[in-house]
C-alpha atoms as a PDB file:
ATOM      1  CA  MET A   1      32.145  19.621 -12.203  1.00  0.00           C
ATOM      2  CA  ASP A   2      33.754  22.784 -10.926  1.00  0.00           C
ATOM      3  CA  PHE A   3      34.648  26.089 -12.579  1.00  0.00           C
ATOM      4  CA  GLU A   4      37.951  24.689 -13.860  1.00  0.00           C
ATOM      5  CA  ASP A   5      36.211  21.869 -15.731  1.00  0.00           C
ATOM      6  CA  THR A   6      37.549  19.197 -13.391  1.00  0.00           C
ATOM      7  CA  PHE A   7      35.649  16.653 -11.386  1.00  0.00           C
ATOM      8  CA  THR A   8      36.103  13.919  -8.829  1.00  0.00           C
ATOM      9  CA  TYR A   9      34.106  10.884  -7.846  1.00  0.00           C
ATOM     10  CA  SER A  10      32.975  10.262  -4.319  1.00  0.00           C
ATOM     11  CA  VAL A  11      32.658   6.878  -2.701  1.00  0.00           C
ATOM     12  CA  THR A  12      29.147   5.409  -2.935  1.00  0.00           C
ATOM     13  CA  ARG A  13      28.065   2.863  -0.381  1.00  0.00           C
ATOM     14  CA  ALA A  14      24.908   0.802  -0.161  1.00  0.00           C
ATOM     15  CA  ILE A  15      23.395   0.175   3.234  1.00  0.00           C
ATOM     16  CA  GLN A  16      20.531  -2.017   4.293  1.00  0.00           C
ATOM     17  CA  VAL A  17      18.309  -0.733   7.071  1.00  0.00           C
ATOM     18  CA  PRO A  18      15.953  -3.100   8.890  1.00  0.00           C
ATOM     19  CA  SER A  19      12.298  -2.097   8.897  1.00  0.00           C
ATOM     20  CA  LEU A  20      10.800  -0.593  12.009  1.00  0.00           C
ATOM     21  CA  LYS A  21       8.895  -3.179  13.983  1.00  0.00           C
ATOM     22  CA  GLY A  22       5.179  -2.621  14.336  1.00  0.00           C
ATOM     23  CA  LYS A  23       4.990   0.113  11.732  1.00  0.00           C
ATOM     24  CA  SER A  24       3.465  -1.613   8.714  1.00  0.00           C
ATOM     25  CA  ASN A  25       2.412  -5.083   7.639  1.00  0.00           C
ATOM     26  CA  TRP A  26       0.859  -4.124   4.293  1.00  0.00           C
ATOM     27  CA  ILE A  27       1.782  -2.047   1.249  1.00  0.00           C
ATOM     28  CA  ILE A  28      -0.175  -0.792  -1.761  1.00  0.00           C
ATOM     29  CA  TYR A  29       1.701   0.007  -4.967  1.00  0.00           C
ATOM     30  CA  PRO A  30       1.985   1.854  -7.213  1.00  0.00           C
ATOM     31  CA  ASN A  31       0.984   4.726  -4.990  1.00  0.00           C
ATOM     32  CA  PRO A  32      -0.008   7.194  -6.327  1.00  0.00           C
ATOM     33  CA  SER A  33      -1.716   5.282  -9.127  1.00  0.00           C
ATOM     34  CA  GLU A  34      -3.594   6.248 -12.272  1.00  0.00           C
ATOM     35  CA  LEU A  35      -7.351   5.940 -12.673  1.00  0.00           C
ATOM     36  CA  ARG A  36      -8.434   2.682 -14.338  1.00  0.00           C
ATOM     37  CA  SER A  37      -5.176   0.943 -13.432  1.00  0.00           C
ATOM     38  CA  ASN A  38      -4.719  -1.942 -11.031  1.00  0.00           C
ATOM     39  CA  VAL A  39      -2.743  -1.783  -7.812  1.00  0.00           C
ATOM     40  CA  THR A  40      -1.109  -4.539  -5.823  1.00  0.00           C
ATOM     41  CA  VAL A  41      -1.762  -5.014  -2.129  1.00  0.00           C
ATOM     42  CA  GLY A  42       1.171  -6.833  -0.596  1.00  0.00           C
ATOM     43  CA  LEU A  43       1.860  -8.336   2.783  1.00  0.00           C
ATOM     44  CA  ILE A  44       5.250  -7.040   3.983  1.00  0.00           C
ATOM     45  CA  ASN A  45       5.425  -9.159   7.095  1.00  0.00           C
ATOM     46  CA  PRO A  46       3.797 -12.559   6.453  1.00  0.00           C
ATOM     47  CA  SER A  47       4.596 -13.764   9.975  1.00  0.00           C
ATOM     48  CA  ASN A  48       1.862 -11.442  11.312  1.00  0.00           C
ATOM     49  CA  TYR A  49      -0.843 -13.092   9.198  1.00  0.00           C
ATOM     50  CA  HIS A  50      -2.107 -16.558  10.161  1.00  0.00           C
ATOM     51  CA  ASP A  51      -4.790 -17.263   7.522  1.00  0.00           C
ATOM     52  CA  GLU A  52      -7.453 -15.307   9.428  1.00  0.00           C
ATOM     53  CA  PRO A  53     -10.362 -13.739   7.550  1.00  0.00           C
ATOM     54  CA  ILE A  54      -9.512 -10.178   6.458  1.00  0.00           C
ATOM     55  CA  ILE A  55     -12.047  -7.364   6.495  1.00  0.00           C
ATOM     56  CA  VAL A  56     -11.279  -4.721   3.869  1.00  0.00           C
ATOM     57  CA  ARG A  57     -12.909  -1.320   4.385  1.00  0.00           C
ATOM     58  CA  ILE A  58     -12.314   1.389   1.812  1.00  0.00           C
ATOM     59  CA  SER A  59     -13.465   4.981   2.079  1.00  0.00           C
ATOM     60  CA  ASP A  60     -12.923   8.156   0.093  1.00  0.00           C
ATOM     61  CA  VAL A  61     -12.973  11.854   0.859  1.00  0.00           C
ATOM     62  CA  ARG A  62     -16.724  12.040   0.133  1.00  0.00           C
ATOM     63  CA  GLY A  63     -17.420   9.629   2.979  1.00  0.00           C
ATOM     64  CA  ILE A  64     -18.328   6.702   0.720  1.00  0.00           C
ATOM     65  CA  ASN A  65     -17.525   3.465   2.595  1.00  0.00           C
ATOM     66  CA  VAL A  66     -17.384  -0.042   1.140  1.00  0.00           C
ATOM     67  CA  SER A  67     -16.590  -3.273   3.014  1.00  0.00           C
ATOM     68  CA  TYR A  68     -15.375  -6.598   1.681  1.00  0.00           C
ATOM     69  CA  SER A  69     -14.489  -9.888   3.309  1.00  0.00           C
ATOM     70  CA  ALA A  70     -11.399 -11.771   2.133  1.00  0.00           C
ATOM     71  CA  ASN A  71      -9.741 -15.040   3.066  1.00  0.00           C
ATOM     72  CA  SER A  72      -6.346 -14.456   1.433  1.00  0.00           C
ATOM     73  CA  VAL A  73      -4.008 -11.720   0.251  1.00  0.00           C
ATOM     74  CA  GLU A  74      -5.111 -12.440  -3.339  1.00  0.00           C
ATOM     75  CA  GLU A  75      -8.754 -11.842  -2.372  1.00  0.00           C
ATOM     76  CA  VAL A  76      -7.709  -8.539  -0.758  1.00  0.00           C
ATOM     77  CA  ASN A  77      -6.126  -7.544  -4.099  1.00  0.00           C
ATOM     78  CA  GLN A  78      -9.320  -8.467  -5.947  1.00  0.00           C
ATOM     79  CA  ALA A  79     -11.493  -6.494  -3.508  1.00  0.00           C
ATOM     80  CA  VAL A  80      -9.364  -3.358  -3.671  1.00  0.00           C
ATOM     81  CA  ASN A  81      -9.127  -3.434  -7.476  1.00  0.00           C
ATOM     82  CA  SER A  82     -12.864  -4.096  -7.758  1.00  0.00           C
ATOM     83  CA  TYR A  83     -13.520  -0.962  -5.703  1.00  0.00           C
ATOM     84  CA  LEU A  84     -11.024   1.073  -7.737  1.00  0.00           C
ATOM     85  CA  GLU A  85     -12.736   0.246 -11.049  1.00  0.00           C
ATOM     86  CA  THR A  86     -15.339   2.920 -10.312  1.00  0.00           C
ATOM     87  CA  ALA A  87     -13.419   5.075  -7.827  1.00  0.00           C
ATOM     88  CA  ILE A  88     -12.868   8.780  -8.377  1.00  0.00           C
ATOM     89  CA  SER A  89      -9.483  10.453  -8.234  1.00  0.00           C
ATOM     90  CA  GLY A  90      -8.307  11.577  -4.823  1.00  0.00           C
ATOM     91  CA  MET A  91      -7.327   9.965  -1.557  1.00  0.00           C
ATOM     92  CA  HIS A  92      -8.773   6.633  -0.451  1.00  0.00           C
ATOM     93  CA  ILE A  93      -8.258   4.990   2.929  1.00  0.00           C
ATOM     94  CA  VAL A  94      -7.895   1.206   2.852  1.00  0.00           C
ATOM     95  CA  GLN A  95      -8.405  -0.359   6.273  1.00  0.00           C
ATOM     96  CA  LEU A  96      -7.365  -3.987   6.736  1.00  0.00           C
ATOM     97  CA  ILE A  97      -8.580  -5.868   9.818  1.00  0.00           C
ATOM     98  CA  TRP A  98      -7.385  -9.415  10.546  1.00  0.00           C
ATOM     99  CA  GLY A  99      -7.148 -11.355  13.795  1.00  0.00           C
ATOM    100  CA  ASP A 100      -6.518  -8.760  16.503  1.00  0.00           C
ATOM    101  CA  GLN A 101      -4.681  -6.398  14.135  1.00  0.00           C
ATOM    102  CA  ASN A 102      -5.785  -3.355  12.194  1.00  0.00           C
ATOM    103  CA  GLU A 103      -3.937  -1.224   9.644  1.00  0.00           C
ATOM    104  CA  GLN A 104      -4.891   1.769   7.517  1.00  0.00           C
ATOM    105  CA  LEU A 105      -3.208   2.607   4.222  1.00  0.00           C
ATOM    106  CA  LYS A 106      -3.608   5.765   2.183  1.00  0.00           C
ATOM    107  CA  LEU A 107      -3.977   5.374  -1.568  1.00  0.00           C
ATOM    108  CA  ILE A 108      -3.820   8.313  -3.967  1.00  0.00           C
ATOM    109  CA  ARG A 109      -5.550   8.025  -7.350  1.00  0.00           C
ATOM    110  CA  LYS A 110      -4.597  10.567 -10.027  1.00  0.00           C
END
């Protein structure tokens, strides 16, 4: 709206942008998340996972490190949420290692 109480609409367009290759295979949401709430760990690019065992390493800013072993994405979710049941607020680093790949995700707990 301008000073003369008139307005105009602009054209709105939706675009779809392909993801960048090699940037991320996993996502954690919601992020940031509330204490005592569950998160979901999702596999963005399933073609990069071939049913290998997954090592889940989680650390916080105090240097506390916990490791889990998982055989599926669902087990990764269970491991991360198990850790978060007693986690403090702050930043947590979730490292996922499978096959010859490795990815680190940052998770913020309020």
